[in-house]
C-alpha atoms as a PDB file:
ATOM      1  CA  MET A   1       0.000   0.000   0.000  1.00  0.00           C
ATOM      2  CA  GLU A   2       1.526   3.297  -1.113  1.00  0.00           C
ATOM      3  CA  LEU A   3       1.002   6.176   1.311  1.00  0.00           C
ATOM      4  CA  ASN A   4       1.877   9.856   1.120  1.00  0.00           C
ATOM      5  CA  ASN A   5       4.473  11.520   3.341  1.00  0.00           C
ATOM      6  CA  SER A   6       1.962  13.097   5.730  1.00  0.00           C
ATOM      7  CA  ILE A   7       1.056  11.382   9.005  1.00  0.00           C
ATOM      8  CA  GLY A   8      -1.672  12.692  11.300  1.00  0.00           C
ATOM      9  CA  VAL A   9      -1.502  12.548  15.084  1.00  0.00           C
ATOM     10  CA  THR A  10      -4.937  13.204  16.515  1.00  0.00           C
ATOM     11  CA  SER A  11      -3.672  14.440  19.890  1.00  0.00           C
ATOM     12  CA  PRO A  12      -0.064  15.569  20.389  1.00  0.00           C
ATOM     13  CA  GLY A  13      -0.133  15.282  24.180  1.00  0.00           C
ATOM     14  CA  ASP A  14       2.802  14.077  26.249  1.00  0.00           C
ATOM     15  CA  MET A  15       3.228  10.794  24.329  1.00  0.00           C
ATOM     16  CA  GLY A  16       1.774  11.993  21.038  1.00  0.00           C
ATOM     17  CA  GLN A  17       4.122  14.964  20.851  1.00  0.00           C
ATOM     18  CA  GLY A  18       7.139  12.740  21.499  1.00  0.00           C
ATOM     19  CA  VAL A  19       6.143  10.361  18.712  1.00  0.00           C
ATOM     20  CA  ALA A  20       5.379  13.290  16.395  1.00  0.00           C
ATOM     21  CA  LEU A  21       8.810  14.815  16.984  1.00  0.00           C
ATOM     22  CA  CYS A  22      10.457  11.516  16.162  1.00  0.00           C
ATOM     23  CA  LEU A  23       8.437  11.160  12.967  1.00  0.00           C
ATOM     24  CA  LYS A  24       9.400  14.677  11.932  1.00  0.00           C
ATOM     25  CA  GLU A  25      13.070  13.799  12.418  1.00  0.00           C
ATOM     26  CA  MET A  26      12.489  10.866  10.053  1.00  0.00           C
ATOM     27  CA  GLY A  27      11.294  13.292   7.379  1.00  0.00           C
ATOM     28  CA  PHE A  28       7.517  12.934   7.634  1.00  0.00           C
ATOM     29  CA  ASN A  29       5.158  15.887   7.484  1.00  0.00           C
ATOM     30  CA  VAL A  30       3.318  15.417  10.781  1.00  0.00           C
ATOM     31  CA  CYS A  31      -0.108  16.997  11.121  1.00  0.00           C
ATOM     32  CA  MET A  32      -2.550  17.628  13.944  1.00  0.00           C
ATOM     33  CA  ALA A  33      -6.179  18.754  14.239  1.00  0.00           C
ATOM     34  CA  SER A  34      -6.412  21.428  16.925  1.00  0.00           C
ATOM     35  CA  ASP A  35     -10.188  21.897  16.848  1.00  0.00           C
ATOM     36  CA  GLY A  36     -11.616  20.912  20.237  1.00  0.00           C
ATOM     37  CA  ARG A  37      -8.220  20.269  21.810  1.00  0.00           C
ATOM     38  CA  SER A  38      -7.005  21.858  25.035  1.00  0.00           C
ATOM     39  CA  ALA A  39      -4.736  24.906  25.063  1.00  0.00           C
ATOM     40  CA  ARG A  40      -1.918  22.707  26.398  1.00  0.00           C
ATOM     41  CA  THR A  41      -2.295  20.180  23.585  1.00  0.00           C
ATOM     42  CA  ARG A  42      -2.375  22.920  20.966  1.00  0.00           C
ATOM     43  CA  SER A  43       0.728  24.461  22.537  1.00  0.00           C
ATOM     44  CA  LEU A  44       2.580  21.123  22.480  1.00  0.00           C
ATOM     45  CA  GLY A  45       1.709  20.732  18.824  1.00  0.00           C
ATOM     46  CA  GLU A  46       2.926  24.226  18.007  1.00  0.00           C
ATOM     47  CA  LYS A  47       6.182  23.686  19.903  1.00  0.00           C
ATOM     48  CA  ALA A  48       6.761  20.503  17.930  1.00  0.00           C
ATOM     49  CA  GLY A  49       6.245  22.379  14.674  1.00  0.00           C
ATOM     50  CA  LEU A  50       3.316  20.246  13.554  1.00  0.00           C
ATOM     51  CA  THR A  51       1.150  21.254  10.624  1.00  0.00           C
ATOM     52  CA  ASP A  52      -2.199  22.268  12.066  1.00  0.00           C
ATOM     53  CA  CYS A  53      -5.055  21.148   9.844  1.00  0.00           C
ATOM     54  CA  GLY A  54      -7.626  22.548  12.256  1.00  0.00           C
ATOM     55  CA  SER A  55     -10.425  20.067  11.651  1.00  0.00           C
ATOM     56  CA  LEU A  56     -10.380  16.276  11.478  1.00  0.00           C
ATOM     57  CA  GLU A  57     -11.895  16.551   8.012  1.00  0.00           C
ATOM     58  CA  LYS A  58      -8.861  18.497   6.783  1.00  0.00           C
ATOM     59  CA  LEU A  59      -6.547  16.092   8.639  1.00  0.00           C
ATOM     60  CA  VAL A  60      -7.875  13.007   6.843  1.00  0.00           C
ATOM     61  CA  GLN A  61      -7.836  14.874   3.535  1.00  0.00           C
ATOM     62  CA  THR A  62      -4.143  15.658   4.086  1.00  0.00           C
ATOM     63  CA  CYS A  63      -2.859  12.406   5.607  1.00  0.00           C
ATOM     64  CA  ASP A  64      -3.111   8.825   4.358  1.00  0.00           C
ATOM     65  CA  MET A  65      -2.209   7.527   7.829  1.00  0.00           C
ATOM     66  CA  VAL A  66      -3.606   8.729  11.158  1.00  0.00           C
ATOM     67  CA  LEU A  67      -2.217   7.734  14.555  1.00  0.00           C
ATOM     68  CA  SER A  68      -4.565   7.867  17.545  1.00  0.00           C
ATOM     69  CA  ILE A  69      -2.473   8.520  20.669  1.00  0.00           C
ATOM     70  CA  LEU A  70      -4.474   9.797  23.632  1.00  0.00           C
ATOM     71  CA  ASP A  71      -6.219   8.961  26.888  1.00  0.00           C
ATOM     72  CA  PRO A  72      -7.456   5.371  26.455  1.00  0.00           C
ATOM     73  CA  GLY A  73     -10.815   6.414  27.855  1.00  0.00           C
ATOM     74  CA  ALA A  74     -11.312   8.543  24.729  1.00  0.00           C
ATOM     75  CA  ALA A  75     -10.077   5.985  22.182  1.00  0.00           C
ATOM     76  CA  VAL A  76     -13.490   4.825  20.951  1.00  0.00           C
ATOM     77  CA  THR A  77     -14.873   8.368  20.810  1.00  0.00           C
ATOM     78  CA  ASN A  78     -11.838   9.476  18.822  1.00  0.00           C
ATOM     79  CA  ALA A  79     -12.238   6.582  16.386  1.00  0.00           C
ATOM     80  CA  ARG A  80     -15.863   7.546  15.824  1.00  0.00           C
ATOM     81  CA  ALA A  81     -14.838  11.149  15.140  1.00  0.00           C
ATOM     82  CA  VAL A  82     -12.151  10.138  12.627  1.00  0.00           C
ATOM     83  CA  ALA A  83     -14.556   7.695  10.960  1.00  0.00           C
ATOM     84  CA  ALA A  84     -17.161  10.450  10.660  1.00  0.00           C
ATOM     85  CA  ALA A  85     -14.563  12.748   9.098  1.00  0.00           C
ATOM     86  CA  CYS A  86     -13.649  10.035   6.595  1.00  0.00           C
ATOM     87  CA  LYS A  87     -17.292   9.472   5.663  1.00  0.00           C
ATOM     88  CA  ALA A  88     -17.866  13.212   5.289  1.00  0.00           C
ATOM     89  CA  THR A  89     -14.881  13.630   2.964  1.00  0.00           C
ATOM     90  CA  GLY A  90     -14.961  10.293   1.185  1.00  0.00           C
ATOM     91  CA  ARG A  91     -11.429   9.545   2.369  1.00  0.00           C
ATOM     92  CA  LYS A  92     -10.164   6.096   3.391  1.00  0.00           C
ATOM     93  CA  VAL A  93      -7.147   6.291   5.686  1.00  0.00           C
ATOM     94  CA  VAL A  94      -4.948   3.834   7.536  1.00  0.00           C
ATOM     95  CA  PHE A  95      -6.042   4.300  11.131  1.00  0.00           C
ATOM     96  CA  VAL A  96      -3.499   3.184  13.740  1.00  0.00           C
ATOM     97  CA  ASP A  97      -4.911   2.946  17.250  1.00  0.00           C
ATOM     98  CA  CYS A  98      -1.918   3.278  19.580  1.00  0.00           C
ATOM     99  CA  ASN A  99      -3.895   3.481  22.806  1.00  0.00           C
ATOM    100  CA  ALA A 100      -3.789   1.246  25.886  1.00  0.00           C
ATOM    101  CA  VAL A 101      -7.059  -0.594  25.265  1.00  0.00           C
ATOM    102  CA  ALA A 102      -8.333  -4.137  25.670  1.00  0.00           C
ATOM    103  CA  PRO A 103      -8.468  -6.432  22.624  1.00  0.00           C
ATOM    104  CA  GLN A 104     -12.281  -6.250  22.879  1.00  0.00           C
ATOM    105  CA  THR A 105     -12.118  -2.452  22.626  1.00  0.00           C
ATOM    106  CA  MET A 106      -9.680  -2.716  19.721  1.00  0.00           C
ATOM    107  CA  HIS A 107     -12.176  -4.904  17.839  1.00  0.00           C
ATOM    108  CA  GLU A 108     -14.884  -2.296  18.473  1.00  0.00           C
ATOM    109  CA  ILE A 109     -12.619   0.411  17.066  1.00  0.00           C
ATOM    110  CA  THR A 110     -11.821  -1.752  14.035  1.00  0.00           C
ATOM    111  CA  ASP A 111     -15.537  -2.221  13.322  1.00  0.00           C
ATOM    112  CA  ILE A 112     -16.054   1.555  13.514  1.00  0.00           C
ATOM    113  CA  MET A 113     -13.233   2.272  11.076  1.00  0.00           C
ATOM    114  CA  SER A 114     -14.156  -0.600   8.730  1.00  0.00           C
ATOM    115  CA  ALA A 115     -17.670   0.831   8.408  1.00  0.00           C
ATOM    116  CA  ALA A 116     -15.991   3.998   7.080  1.00  0.00           C
ATOM    117  CA  GLY A 117     -13.949   1.963   4.589  1.00  0.00           C
ATOM    118  CA  CYS A 118     -10.675   2.476   6.460  1.00  0.00           C
ATOM    119  CA  THR A 119      -7.807   0.087   7.204  1.00  0.00           C
ATOM    120  CA  THR A 120      -7.068  -0.422  10.898  1.00  0.00           C
ATOM    121  CA  ILE A 121      -3.817  -1.387  12.589  1.00  0.00           C
ATOM    122  CA  ASP A 122      -3.624  -2.374  16.254  1.00  0.00           C
ATOM    123  CA  ALA A 123      -0.648  -0.811  18.038  1.00  0.00           C
ATOM    124  CA  GLY A 124       0.556  -0.840  21.624  1.00  0.00           C
ATOM    125  CA  ILE A 125       3.315   1.515  22.753  1.00  0.00           C
ATOM    126  CA  ILE A 126       5.728   0.326  25.447  1.00  0.00           C
ATOM    127  CA  GLY A 127       8.323   2.755  26.741  1.00  0.00           C
ATOM    128  CA  PRO A 128       8.586   6.511  27.347  1.00  0.00           C
ATOM    129  CA  PRO A 129       7.926   9.267  24.798  1.00  0.00           C
ATOM    130  CA  PRO A 130      10.852   9.084  22.323  1.00  0.00           C
ATOM    131  CA  ARG A 131      12.505  12.369  23.289  1.00  0.00           C
ATOM    132  CA  LYS A 132      16.199  13.034  23.867  1.00  0.00           C
ATOM    133  CA  GLY A 133      17.270   9.617  22.660  1.00  0.00           C
ATOM    134  CA  ALA A 134      14.664   7.639  24.619  1.00  0.00           C
ATOM    135  CA  LYS A 135      13.541   4.466  22.873  1.00  0.00           C
ATOM    136  CA  GLN A 136      10.193   2.719  22.735  1.00  0.00           C
ATOM    137  CA  ARG A 137       8.650  -0.378  21.235  1.00  0.00           C
ATOM    138  CA  PHE A 138       5.679  -0.181  18.885  1.00  0.00           C
ATOM    139  CA  TYR A 139       3.956  -3.565  19.012  1.00  0.00           C
ATOM    140  CA  VAL A 140       1.646  -3.825  16.013  1.00  0.00           C
ATOM    141  CA  SER A 141      -0.747  -6.467  14.737  1.00  0.00           C
ATOM    142  CA  GLY A 142      -3.396  -7.130  12.144  1.00  0.00           C
ATOM    143  CA  PRO A 143      -3.385  -8.147   8.472  1.00  0.00           C
ATOM    144  CA  ASN A 144      -1.789  -4.824   7.490  1.00  0.00           C
ATOM    145  CA  ALA A 145       0.623  -4.447  10.420  1.00  0.00           C
ATOM    146  CA  GLY A 146       3.648  -4.537   8.099  1.00  0.00           C
ATOM    147  CA  ILE A 147       2.759  -1.014   6.927  1.00  0.00           C
ATOM    148  CA  MET A 148       4.132   0.259  10.230  1.00  0.00           C
ATOM    149  CA  ASN A 149       7.674  -0.701   9.257  1.00  0.00           C
ATOM    150  CA  ARG A 150       7.771   2.629   7.449  1.00  0.00           C
ATOM    151  CA  ILE A 151       8.218   4.350  10.839  1.00  0.00           C
ATOM    152  CA  ASN A 152      10.739   1.853  12.211  1.00  0.00           C
ATOM    153  CA  SER A 153      13.754   3.750  13.535  1.00  0.00           C
ATOM    154  CA  PRO A 154      16.409   3.577  16.273  1.00  0.00           C
ATOM    155  CA  GLN A 155      13.942   5.324  18.621  1.00  0.00           C
ATOM    156  CA  ILE A 156      10.701   3.670  17.490  1.00  0.00           C
ATOM    157  CA  ASN A 157      11.274  -0.072  17.283  1.00  0.00           C
ATOM    158  CA  VAL A 158       8.357  -1.601  15.379  1.00  0.00           C
ATOM    159  CA  ARG A 159       7.629  -5.199  16.398  1.00  0.00           C
ATOM    160  CA  ILE A 160       4.989  -7.408  14.764  1.00  0.00           C
ATOM    161  CA  ALA A 161       2.992  -9.046  17.579  1.00  0.00           C
ATOM    162  CA  GLY A 162       0.740 -11.147  15.365  1.00  0.00           C
ATOM    163  CA  ASP A 163      -1.522 -11.160  12.357  1.00  0.00           C
ATOM    164  CA  LYS A 164      -4.741 -10.582  14.296  1.00  0.00           C
ATOM    165  CA  ILE A 165      -6.295  -7.346  15.497  1.00  0.00           C
ATOM    166  CA  GLY A 166      -6.075  -7.467  19.298  1.00  0.00           C
ATOM    167  CA  ASP A 167      -2.681  -9.187  19.537  1.00  0.00           C
ATOM    168  CA  ALA A 168      -0.706  -5.959  20.017  1.00  0.00           C
ATOM    169  CA  SER A 169      -3.236  -4.642  22.507  1.00  0.00           C
ATOM    170  CA  ALA A 170      -3.024  -7.898  24.459  1.00  0.00           C
ATOM    171  CA  VAL A 171       0.753  -7.546  24.737  1.00  0.00           C
ATOM    172  CA  LYS A 172       0.374  -3.964  25.964  1.00  0.00           C
ATOM    173  CA  MET A 173      -2.325  -4.888  28.484  1.00  0.00           C
ATOM    174  CA  CYS A 174      -0.353  -7.750  30.025  1.00  0.00           C
ATOM    175  CA  TYR A 175       2.829  -5.667  30.173  1.00  0.00           C
ATOM    176  CA  ALA A 176       1.101  -2.648  31.726  1.00  0.00           C
ATOM    177  CA  ALA A 177      -0.570  -4.899  34.297  1.00  0.00           C
ATOM    178  CA  LEU A 178       2.889  -5.682  35.661  1.00  0.00           C
ATOM    179  CA  THR A 179       4.409  -2.204  35.438  1.00  0.00           C
ATOM    180  CA  LYS A 180       1.525   0.087  36.354  1.00  0.00           C
ATOM    181  CA  GLY A 181      -0.221  -2.536  38.459  1.00  0.00           C
ATOM    182  CA  SER A 182       2.884  -2.994  40.601  1.00  0.00           C
ATOM    183  CA  ILE A 183       3.300   0.786  40.927  1.00  0.00           C
ATOM    184  CA  ALA A 184      -0.275   0.920  42.260  1.00  0.00           C
ATOM    185  CA  LEU A 185       0.379  -1.833  44.810  1.00  0.00           C
ATOM    186  CA  GLY A 186       3.719  -0.348  45.896  1.00  0.00           C
ATOM    187  CA  THR A 187       2.322   3.168  46.173  1.00  0.00           C
ATOM    188  CA  GLU A 188      -0.696   2.041  48.163  1.00  0.00           C
ATOM    189  CA  LEU A 189       1.299   0.051  50.705  1.00  0.00           C
ATOM    190  CA  LEU A 190       3.830   2.862  51.214  1.00  0.00           C
ATOM    191  CA  VAL A 191       1.079   5.467  51.635  1.00  0.00           C
ATOM    192  CA  ALA A 192      -0.759   3.151  54.031  1.00  0.00           C
ATOM    193  CA  ALA A 193       2.398   2.578  56.068  1.00  0.00           C
ATOM    194  CA  ARG A 194       2.876   6.344  56.469  1.00  0.00           C
ATOM    195  CA  LYS A 195      -0.768   6.823  57.464  1.00  0.00           C
ATOM    196  CA  LEU A 196      -0.430   3.998  59.998  1.00  0.00           C
ATOM    197  CA  GLY A 197       2.751   5.515  61.432  1.00  0.00           C
ATOM    198  CA  VAL A 198       5.020   2.571  60.555  1.00  0.00           C
ATOM    199  CA  ASP A 199       6.730   4.006  57.485  1.00  0.00           C
ATOM    200  CA  LYS A 200      10.190   4.228  59.117  1.00  0.00           C
ATOM    201  CA  ALA A 201      10.071   0.632  60.323  1.00  0.00           C
ATOM    202  CA  LEU A 202       8.846  -0.586  56.941  1.00  0.00           C
ATOM    203  CA  GLU A 203      11.497   1.446  55.121  1.00  0.00           C
ATOM    204  CA  ALA A 204      14.230  -0.183  57.222  1.00  0.00           C
ATOM    205  CA  GLU A 205      12.825  -3.650  56.540  1.00  0.00           C
ATOM    206  CA  LEU A 206      12.402  -3.117  52.802  1.00  0.00           C
ATOM    207  CA  SER A 207      15.845  -1.498  52.482  1.00  0.00           C
ATOM    208  CA  GLY A 208      17.380  -4.546  54.096  1.00  0.00           C
ATOM    209  CA  SER A 209      15.389  -7.387  52.597  1.00  0.00           C
ATOM    210  CA  GLN A 210      13.838  -6.010  49.373  1.00  0.00           C
ATOM    211  CA  ALA A 211      16.164  -3.135  48.468  1.00  0.00           C
ATOM    212  CA  GLU A 212      15.948  -3.490  44.685  1.00  0.00           C
ATOM    213  CA  LEU A 213      12.152  -3.801  44.711  1.00  0.00           C
ATOM    214  CA  TYR A 214      11.780  -0.905  47.160  1.00  0.00           C
ATOM    215  CA  GLU A 215      13.954   1.427  45.094  1.00  0.00           C
ATOM    216  CA  SER A 216      12.084   0.428  41.951  1.00  0.00           C
ATOM    217  CA  VAL A 217       8.735   1.350  43.494  1.00  0.00           C
ATOM    218  CA  LEU A 218      10.065   4.712  44.698  1.00  0.00           C
ATOM    219  CA  SER A 219      11.712   5.629  41.405  1.00  0.00           C
ATOM    220  CA  ARG A 220       8.647   4.737  39.329  1.00  0.00           C
ATOM    221  CA  SER A 221       6.230   6.431  41.726  1.00  0.00           C
ATOM    222  CA  ALA A 222       8.114   9.713  41.403  1.00  0.00           C
ATOM    223  CA  SER A 223       6.637  10.482  37.979  1.00  0.00           C
ATOM    224  CA  MET A 224       3.262   8.819  38.440  1.00  0.00           C
ATOM    225  CA  PRO A 225       0.727  11.251  40.013  1.00  0.00           C
ATOM    226  CA  PHE A 226       0.202  13.521  37.000  1.00  0.00           C
ATOM    227  CA  LYS A 227      -0.447  10.432  34.854  1.00  0.00           C
ATOM    228  CA  ALA A 228      -2.926   8.892  37.296  1.00  0.00           C
ATOM    229  CA  TYR A 229      -6.065  10.212  35.566  1.00  0.00           C
ATOM    230  CA  ARG A 230      -5.003   8.489  32.325  1.00  0.00           C
ATOM    231  CA  TRP A 231      -4.130   5.283  34.114  1.00  0.00           C
ATOM    232  CA  VAL A 232      -7.653   4.906  35.518  1.00  0.00           C
ATOM    233  CA  PRO A 233      -9.195   3.914  32.161  1.00  0.00           C
ATOM    234  CA  GLU A 234      -6.067   1.931  31.310  1.00  0.00           C
ATOM    235  CA  MET A 235      -6.436  -0.203  34.448  1.00  0.00           C
ATOM    236  CA  ASN A 236     -10.093  -0.740  33.587  1.00  0.00           C
ATOM    237  CA  GLU A 237      -9.109  -1.826  30.081  1.00  0.00           C
ATOM    238  CA  ILE A 238      -6.646  -4.334  31.567  1.00  0.00           C
ATOM    239  CA  ALA A 239      -9.378  -5.617  33.883  1.00  0.00           C
ATOM    240  CA  LYS A 240     -11.612  -6.022  30.814  1.00  0.00           C
ATOM    241  CA  THR A 241      -8.807  -7.913  29.046  1.00  0.00           C
ATOM    242  CA  PHE A 242      -8.310 -10.325  31.922  1.00  0.00           C
ATOM    243  CA  GLU A 243     -12.026 -10.895  32.401  1.00  0.00           C
ATOM    244  CA  GLY A 244     -12.284 -11.733  28.715  1.00  0.00           C
ATOM    245  CA  ALA A 245      -9.551 -14.331  29.233  1.00  0.00           C
ATOM    246  CA  GLY A 246     -11.498 -15.928  32.083  1.00  0.00           C
ATOM    247  CA  MET A 247      -9.429 -14.296  34.835  1.00  0.00           C
ATOM    248  CA  THR A 248     -10.536 -12.029  37.677  1.00  0.00           C
ATOM    249  CA  PRO A 249     -10.807  -8.347  36.765  1.00  0.00           C
ATOM    250  CA  ARG A 250     -10.768  -7.203  40.387  1.00  0.00           C
ATOM    251  CA  ILE A 251      -7.009  -6.833  40.894  1.00  0.00           C
ATOM    252  CA  LEU A 252      -6.718  -4.138  38.246  1.00  0.00           C
ATOM    253  CA  GLN A 253     -10.060  -2.584  39.144  1.00  0.00           C
ATOM    254  CA  GLY A 254      -8.493  -1.933  42.550  1.00  0.00           C
ATOM    255  CA  ALA A 255      -5.525  -0.284  40.845  1.00  0.00           C
ATOM    256  CA  ALA A 256      -7.977   1.912  38.932  1.00  0.00           C
ATOM    257  CA  ASP A 257      -9.584   2.933  42.229  1.00  0.00           C
ATOM    258  CA  LEU A 258      -6.213   3.975  43.649  1.00  0.00           C
ATOM    259  CA  TYR A 259      -5.274   6.006  40.587  1.00  0.00           C
ATOM    260  CA  ALA A 260      -8.682   7.716  40.723  1.00  0.00           C
ATOM    261  CA  GLN A 261      -7.893   8.757  44.313  1.00  0.00           C
ATOM    262  CA  ILE A 262      -4.456  10.038  43.334  1.00  0.00           C
ATOM    263  CA  ALA A 263      -5.878  12.015  40.398  1.00  0.00           C
ATOM    264  CA  THR A 264      -7.886  14.159  42.843  1.00  0.00           C
ATOM    265  CA  THR A 265      -4.822  15.192  44.909  1.00  0.00           C
ATOM    266  CA  PRO A 266      -2.787  18.361  44.308  1.00  0.00           C
ATOM    267  CA  GLN A 267      -0.001  16.274  42.764  1.00  0.00           C
ATOM    268  CA  GLY A 268      -2.496  14.461  40.565  1.00  0.00           C
ATOM    269  CA  LYS A 269      -3.844  17.750  39.218  1.00  0.00           C
ATOM    270  CA  GLU A 270      -0.440  19.085  38.118  1.00  0.00           C
ATOM    271  CA  SER A 271       0.521  19.197  34.469  1.00  0.00           C
ATOM    272  CA  PRO A 272       3.499  17.063  33.408  1.00  0.00           C
ATOM    273  CA  GLU A 273       5.563  20.224  33.043  1.00  0.00           C
ATOM    274  CA  GLU A 274       4.695  21.450  36.551  1.00  0.00           C
ATOM    275  CA  ALA A 275       5.480  18.081  38.108  1.00  0.00           C
ATOM    276  CA  ARG A 276       8.793  17.702  36.285  1.00  0.00           C
ATOM    277  CA  ASP A 277       9.902  21.177  37.301  1.00  0.00           C
ATOM    278  CA  LYS A 278       9.456  20.256  40.989  1.00  0.00           C
ATOM    279  CA  LYS A 279      11.723  17.196  40.638  1.00  0.00           C
ATOM    280  CA  ARG A 280      10.219  15.371  43.613  1.00  0.00           C
ATOM    281  CA  THR A 281      11.807  12.160  44.806  1.00  0.00           C
ATOM    282  CA  GLY A 282       9.727   9.037  45.201  1.00  0.00           C
ATOM    283  CA  LYS A 283       9.698   9.513  48.973  1.00  0.00           C
ATOM    284  CA  GLN A 284       8.438  13.066  48.604  1.00  0.00           C
ATOM    285  CA  VAL A 285       5.666  11.878  46.303  1.00  0.00           C
ATOM    286  CA  ILE A 286       4.590   9.208  48.797  1.00  0.00           C
ATOM    287  CA  GLU A 287       4.660  11.684  51.690  1.00  0.00           C
ATOM    288  CA  GLY A 288       2.569  14.178  49.712  1.00  0.00           C
ATOM    289  CA  LEU A 289       0.024  11.551  48.745  1.00  0.00           C
ATOM    290  CA  ALA A 290      -0.247  10.275  52.331  1.00  0.00           C
ATOM    291  CA  ASP A 291      -0.990  13.806  53.485  1.00  0.00           C
ATOM    292  CA  THR A 292      -3.692  14.486  50.873  1.00  0.00           C
ATOM    293  CA  ILE A 293      -5.510  11.192  50.198  1.00  0.00           C
END
């Protein structure tokens, strides 16, 4: 399938902007649709030098491929909006859903895009935004997953997860259950220990018997609160994935509950830029959460 050199990113937020910057460095004309987006998202797009098409209709008229990278809770709504834009303009794009959604949700998105005559690729991103040399893995699946090799680079490592829609999402869901699920468990127990007044004793025990695990929880918790609102729907999508596989959904539903609590705290309401400027340690994050939850 021959595609033009323009790639659309429907929301250049923290992750979307990082991917967009990387694609620009590869020589692609990267476009966004600012209509209805927040001032912060529009600003991130402008700073990245993206071509602003304004409307989704103009975006799909300009780009043969559109990447959906946003809050997983908005993934289906976004797919419907892009599909509507394609129907309105008569365009048929390659729609790549890169969001942290369950395989069941990915099939729903595929049905939406297929009804608009579009090709869908399932993608799951693992790793940080590809800025300043950071690397990530793009797991992709579906009959047309090979198309994504066009964006394979030292920073974006494209990996074929399977030939079925849902395979890439399943990899992402299982991986995120370990990483973000363990952050939830570690954060909750450390906050609880501080609230119960045994944090010093627990710290001494963990430092002596589980030092590597303890340091891992602290280091990963340091940059978590401002992401918590996005991790709520992601945990629910993982729960949906596990339930569909005949497993209990309740472990990750509990993680979603914790992240919902954190999202309401002062730390949870900060923007990524505000949080990064404060450079809190993991211990400072835990102390702040214990004082405000």
